[in-house]
């Protein structure tokens, strides 16, 4: 059986080009808020974990001395390096690394960011401890990720939908879980900002197998009226839309 990391390499290797132009990953409003919370200074170094095709690293680059982006997937990093070259961004570099065992010394960075990736980590507490280890005293962590509300039914179904969308998915956590996990790993939580995007059903079905797409449609088709309301599942312009929950967290060490 594949580990989540092995599955992620395979899935995101196939989908790498999609993330270069992905509306969710290039969202300027969300990227601007990540930079605002990270508050990079001109003499600071930042680490962007699971950088994908580098969007968060590029957003940080104009404000920091140096940005390092890491990812498990070579194809993602190849796209990121191409974009850095095309945009003439000279203070960003990329390397292959697993968040569960980062190849950096203690206190190597003043800033760590991790965007739209933590729900793939097979051992979230180990990953958070690694983030803390590589942060300098007083350093800042900003995590932006898929989330679920404090509702058992929506939590269970949304995680099921995302496992069908992406078989490397482990879990998207409630805001309250994030607070507990960060505090358990020695972070001081400064802010927790849940938010919702109302997205088309195709955001779950594009690029997945026919079998999994069928299961996604069946799962949503089986919801009763109360459950549909909980997901804000509505048809607009001939297309189904539903809520996707997110959370952005800022913490310090």
Protein backbone atom coordinates (compact mmCIF):
# COMPACT_ATOMS: atom_id res chain seq x y z
CA UNK A 1 0.00 0.00 0.00
CA UNK A 2 1.33 3.45 -0.92
CA UNK A 3 2.14 5.98 1.77
CA UNK A 4 0.45 9.39 1.43
CA UNK A 5 3.83 10.78 0.37
CA UNK A 6 4.26 8.18 -2.38
CA UNK A 7 0.71 8.82 -3.58
CA UNK A 8 1.31 12.59 -3.55
CA UNK A 9 4.44 12.26 -5.71
CA UNK A 10 2.50 10.22 -8.25
CA UNK A 11 -0.67 12.34 -8.28
CA UNK A 12 0.98 15.75 -8.24
CA UNK A 13 3.60 14.64 -10.72
CA UNK A 14 0.75 14.03 -13.18
CA UNK A 15 -1.08 17.27 -12.25
CA UNK A 16 1.91 19.63 -11.90
CA UNK A 17 1.10 21.81 -14.91
CA UNK A 18 -2.45 22.38 -13.59
CA UNK A 19 -1.10 24.12 -10.50
CA UNK A 20 0.76 26.74 -12.50
CA UNK A 21 -2.56 28.39 -13.39
CA UNK A 22 -4.85 26.98 -10.66
CA UNK A 23 -7.25 29.72 -9.54
CA UNK A 24 -7.24 28.38 -5.98
CA UNK A 25 -3.45 28.36 -5.73
CA UNK A 26 -2.89 31.71 -7.46
CA UNK A 27 -5.65 33.52 -5.51
CA UNK A 28 -4.12 37.02 -5.01
CA UNK A 29 -6.28 37.87 -1.99
CA UNK A 30 -5.25 34.74 -0.09
CA UNK A 31 -1.58 35.10 -1.06
CA UNK A 32 -1.61 38.72 0.10
CA UNK A 33 -2.99 37.68 3.49
CA UNK A 34 -0.30 35.00 3.86
CA UNK A 35 2.38 37.64 3.23
CA UNK A 36 0.69 40.07 5.62
CA UNK A 37 0.63 37.52 8.44
CA UNK A 38 4.18 36.33 7.73
CA UNK A 39 5.37 39.97 7.81
CA UNK A 40 8.70 39.27 6.05
CA UNK A 41 11.51 41.78 6.51
CA UNK A 42 14.12 42.69 3.93
CA UNK A 43 16.92 40.88 5.80
CA UNK A 44 14.98 37.69 6.62
CA UNK A 45 14.96 34.18 5.19
CA UNK A 46 11.71 32.34 4.55
CA UNK A 47 10.93 28.67 3.97
CA UNK A 48 7.85 27.68 1.97
CA UNK A 49 6.97 24.04 2.58
CA UNK A 50 5.20 21.91 -0.02
CA UNK A 51 5.63 24.87 -2.34
CA UNK A 52 4.11 23.14 -5.38
CA UNK A 53 4.76 25.41 -8.34
CA UNK A 54 6.02 28.17 -6.06
CA UNK A 55 3.14 30.65 -5.80
CA UNK A 56 3.59 31.38 -2.09
CA UNK A 57 7.38 31.53 -2.42
CA UNK A 58 7.02 34.07 -5.23
CA UNK A 59 4.59 36.16 -3.16
CA UNK A 60 7.13 36.31 -0.31
CA UNK A 61 10.15 36.98 -2.52
CA UNK A 62 9.80 40.78 -2.97
CA UNK A 63 9.72 41.26 0.81
CA UNK A 64 12.49 38.91 2.02
CA UNK A 65 16.20 38.45 1.47
CA UNK A 66 15.87 34.80 0.50
CA UNK A 67 13.09 32.26 0.04
CA UNK A 68 13.56 28.49 -0.13
CA UNK A 69 10.72 26.37 -1.48
CA UNK A 70 10.59 22.63 -0.82
CA UNK A 71 8.36 19.93 -2.25
CA UNK A 72 8.19 16.14 -2.55
CA UNK A 73 7.43 16.20 -6.26
CA UNK A 74 10.18 16.83 -8.84
CA UNK A 75 7.68 17.82 -11.54
CA UNK A 76 6.23 20.52 -9.27
CA UNK A 77 9.68 21.91 -8.57
CA UNK A 78 10.54 21.89 -12.28
CA UNK A 79 7.46 24.05 -12.92
CA UNK A 80 8.42 26.36 -10.04
CA UNK A 81 11.96 26.76 -11.36
CA UNK A 82 10.65 27.53 -14.83
CA UNK A 83 8.31 30.19 -13.44
CA UNK A 84 11.12 31.74 -11.38
CA UNK A 85 13.26 31.96 -14.51
CA UNK A 86 10.44 33.39 -16.63
CA UNK A 87 9.68 36.03 -13.99
CA UNK A 88 13.36 36.81 -13.32
CA UNK A 89 12.98 36.14 -9.58
CA UNK A 90 16.52 35.74 -8.30
CA UNK A 91 16.15 35.31 -4.54
CA UNK A 92 14.10 32.08 -4.59
CA UNK A 93 15.55 28.59 -4.80
CA UNK A 94 13.89 25.19 -4.66
CA UNK A 95 14.86 21.78 -3.31
CA UNK A 96 13.34 18.34 -2.97
CA UNK A 97 12.45 17.60 0.66
CA UNK A 98 9.93 15.87 2.92
CA UNK A 99 8.35 18.07 5.57
CA UNK A 100 8.72 15.23 8.09
CA UNK A 101 12.54 15.47 7.90
CA UNK A 102 13.74 18.83 6.64
CA UNK A 103 17.38 19.18 5.47
CA UNK A 104 17.99 22.42 7.39
CA UNK A 105 19.60 23.27 10.69
CA UNK A 106 17.82 24.47 13.80
CA UNK A 107 16.72 28.08 13.62
CA UNK A 108 17.63 28.45 9.95
CA UNK A 109 14.64 30.64 9.04
CA UNK A 110 12.69 33.55 10.46
CA UNK A 111 9.55 32.60 8.52
CA UNK A 112 7.93 29.28 7.59
CA UNK A 113 4.85 29.09 5.39
CA UNK A 114 2.81 26.08 4.33
CA UNK A 115 -0.13 26.55 2.01
CA UNK A 116 -2.78 24.08 0.81
CA UNK A 117 -0.64 21.09 1.70
CA UNK A 118 -0.86 20.03 5.35
CA UNK A 119 -3.90 17.84 4.71
CA UNK A 120 -1.51 15.53 2.82
CA UNK A 121 0.99 15.07 5.66
CA UNK A 122 0.99 11.53 7.04
CA UNK A 123 2.23 12.67 10.48
CA UNK A 124 1.03 16.21 11.07
CA UNK A 125 2.55 16.54 14.55
CA UNK A 126 5.96 15.42 13.33
CA UNK A 127 5.70 17.93 10.48
CA UNK A 128 4.78 20.74 12.88
CA UNK A 129 7.71 19.87 15.15
CA UNK A 130 10.02 20.10 12.13
CA UNK A 131 8.58 23.51 11.30
CA UNK A 132 9.27 24.66 14.85
CA UNK A 133 12.80 23.21 14.77
CA UNK A 134 13.86 25.18 11.69
CA UNK A 135 12.34 28.44 12.97
CA UNK A 136 14.50 30.90 14.86
CA UNK A 137 13.28 32.07 18.29
CA UNK A 138 10.61 34.67 17.63
CA UNK A 139 10.04 33.26 14.14
CA UNK A 140 6.65 33.20 12.45
CA UNK A 141 4.63 30.33 10.99
CA UNK A 142 1.71 30.84 8.62
CA UNK A 143 -0.41 27.86 7.55
CA UNK A 144 -3.19 28.12 5.00
CA UNK A 145 -5.04 24.90 4.31
CA UNK A 146 -8.26 23.12 3.49
CA UNK A 147 -10.38 22.78 6.61
CA UNK A 148 -13.77 21.61 7.88
CA UNK A 149 -16.28 23.29 10.18
CA UNK A 150 -17.00 22.15 13.73
CA UNK A 151 -19.70 19.80 12.44
CA UNK A 152 -19.33 16.01 12.55
CA UNK A 153 -21.36 15.26 9.43
CA UNK A 154 -19.71 17.89 7.23
CA UNK A 155 -16.28 16.95 8.60
CA UNK A 156 -16.76 13.28 7.69
CA UNK A 157 -18.28 13.89 4.26
CA UNK A 158 -15.86 16.64 3.20
CA UNK A 159 -12.87 14.48 4.07
CA UNK A 160 -14.48 11.59 2.16
CA UNK A 161 -14.99 13.83 -0.88
CA UNK A 162 -11.38 14.96 -0.78
CA UNK A 163 -10.07 11.41 -0.51
CA UNK A 164 -12.02 10.62 -3.68
CA UNK A 165 -10.63 13.75 -5.34
CA UNK A 166 -7.06 12.98 -4.26
CA UNK A 167 -6.04 9.62 -2.87
CA UNK A 168 -3.02 11.17 -1.10
CA UNK A 169 -5.40 13.15 1.14
CA UNK A 170 -5.00 12.37 4.85
CA UNK A 171 -7.21 14.82 6.75
CA UNK A 172 -8.31 18.42 6.69
CA UNK A 173 -8.57 19.67 10.26
CA UNK A 174 -11.07 21.81 12.12
CA UNK A 175 -9.81 25.20 13.34
CA UNK A 176 -10.00 23.95 16.92
CA UNK A 177 -7.80 20.95 16.01
CA UNK A 178 -5.22 23.29 14.49
CA UNK A 179 -5.05 25.33 17.67
CA UNK A 180 -4.58 22.23 19.83
CA UNK A 181 -1.93 20.72 17.54
CA UNK A 182 0.12 23.91 17.28
CA UNK A 183 0.04 24.51 21.00
CA UNK A 184 1.02 20.88 21.64
CA UNK A 185 4.08 21.40 19.42
CA UNK A 186 5.19 24.53 21.27
CA UNK A 187 3.75 27.30 19.10
CA UNK A 188 1.95 30.37 20.39
CA UNK A 189 -1.13 30.78 18.21
CA UNK A 190 -1.71 34.41 17.25
CA UNK A 191 -4.70 34.18 14.93
CA UNK A 192 -7.05 31.59 13.43
CA UNK A 193 -9.05 32.75 10.41
CA UNK A 194 -11.59 30.30 8.94
CA UNK A 195 -13.01 31.22 5.53
CA UNK A 196 -15.20 29.66 2.84
CA UNK A 197 -15.00 29.54 -0.94
CA UNK A 198 -18.11 28.50 -2.90
CA UNK A 199 -16.60 26.41 -5.67
CA UNK A 200 -17.93 24.38 -8.62
CA UNK A 201 -18.27 20.63 -8.28
CA UNK A 202 -15.70 20.31 -11.07
CA UNK A 203 -13.06 21.44 -8.55
CA UNK A 204 -13.52 17.98 -7.01
CA UNK A 205 -14.04 15.93 -10.16
CA UNK A 206 -11.55 17.38 -12.66
CA UNK A 207 -8.54 15.15 -13.19
CA UNK A 208 -9.86 12.21 -11.14
CA UNK A 209 -10.73 8.71 -12.29
CA UNK A 210 -14.17 8.04 -13.77
CA UNK A 211 -14.90 5.70 -10.85
CA UNK A 212 -14.06 8.31 -8.22
CA UNK A 213 -15.96 11.04 -10.08
CA UNK A 214 -19.02 8.77 -10.09
CA UNK A 215 -18.65 8.21 -6.34
CA UNK A 216 -18.39 11.98 -5.72
CA UNK A 217 -21.60 12.59 -7.68
CA UNK A 218 -23.35 9.74 -5.86
CA UNK A 219 -22.28 10.99 -2.43
CA UNK A 220 -23.58 14.51 -3.08
CA UNK A 221 -26.68 13.21 -4.86
CA UNK A 222 -27.59 11.23 -1.75
CA UNK A 223 -27.69 14.25 0.57
CA UNK A 224 -31.05 15.23 2.04
CA UNK A 225 -32.30 18.82 2.10
CA UNK A 226 -30.72 19.64 5.49
CA UNK A 227 -27.39 18.15 4.44
CA UNK A 228 -27.44 20.00 1.11
CA UNK A 229 -27.97 23.23 3.03
CA UNK A 230 -25.00 22.42 5.28
CA UNK A 231 -22.81 22.17 2.17
CA UNK A 232 -24.55 25.13 0.50
CA UNK A 233 -24.99 22.77 -2.45
CA UNK A 234 -26.83 24.73 -5.14
CA UNK A 235 -27.06 24.83 -8.91
CA UNK A 236 -25.92 28.01 -10.63
CA UNK A 237 -25.81 28.54 -14.40
CA UNK A 238 -26.27 24.82 -14.94
CA UNK A 239 -23.44 23.81 -12.62
CA UNK A 240 -23.40 22.55 -9.04
CA UNK A 241 -21.51 24.58 -6.44
CA UNK A 242 -20.65 23.70 -2.84
CA UNK A 243 -18.73 25.15 0.06
CA UNK A 244 -15.04 24.45 0.54
CA UNK A 245 -13.77 25.36 3.97
CA UNK A 246 -10.30 26.79 4.68
CA UNK A 247 -8.35 28.14 7.61
CA UNK A 248 -5.38 30.48 7.85
CA UNK A 249 -3.33 30.37 11.04
CA UNK A 250 -0.47 32.53 12.28
CA UNK A 251 1.75 31.38 15.14
CA UNK A 252 5.14 32.18 16.64
CA UNK A 253 7.88 30.32 18.49
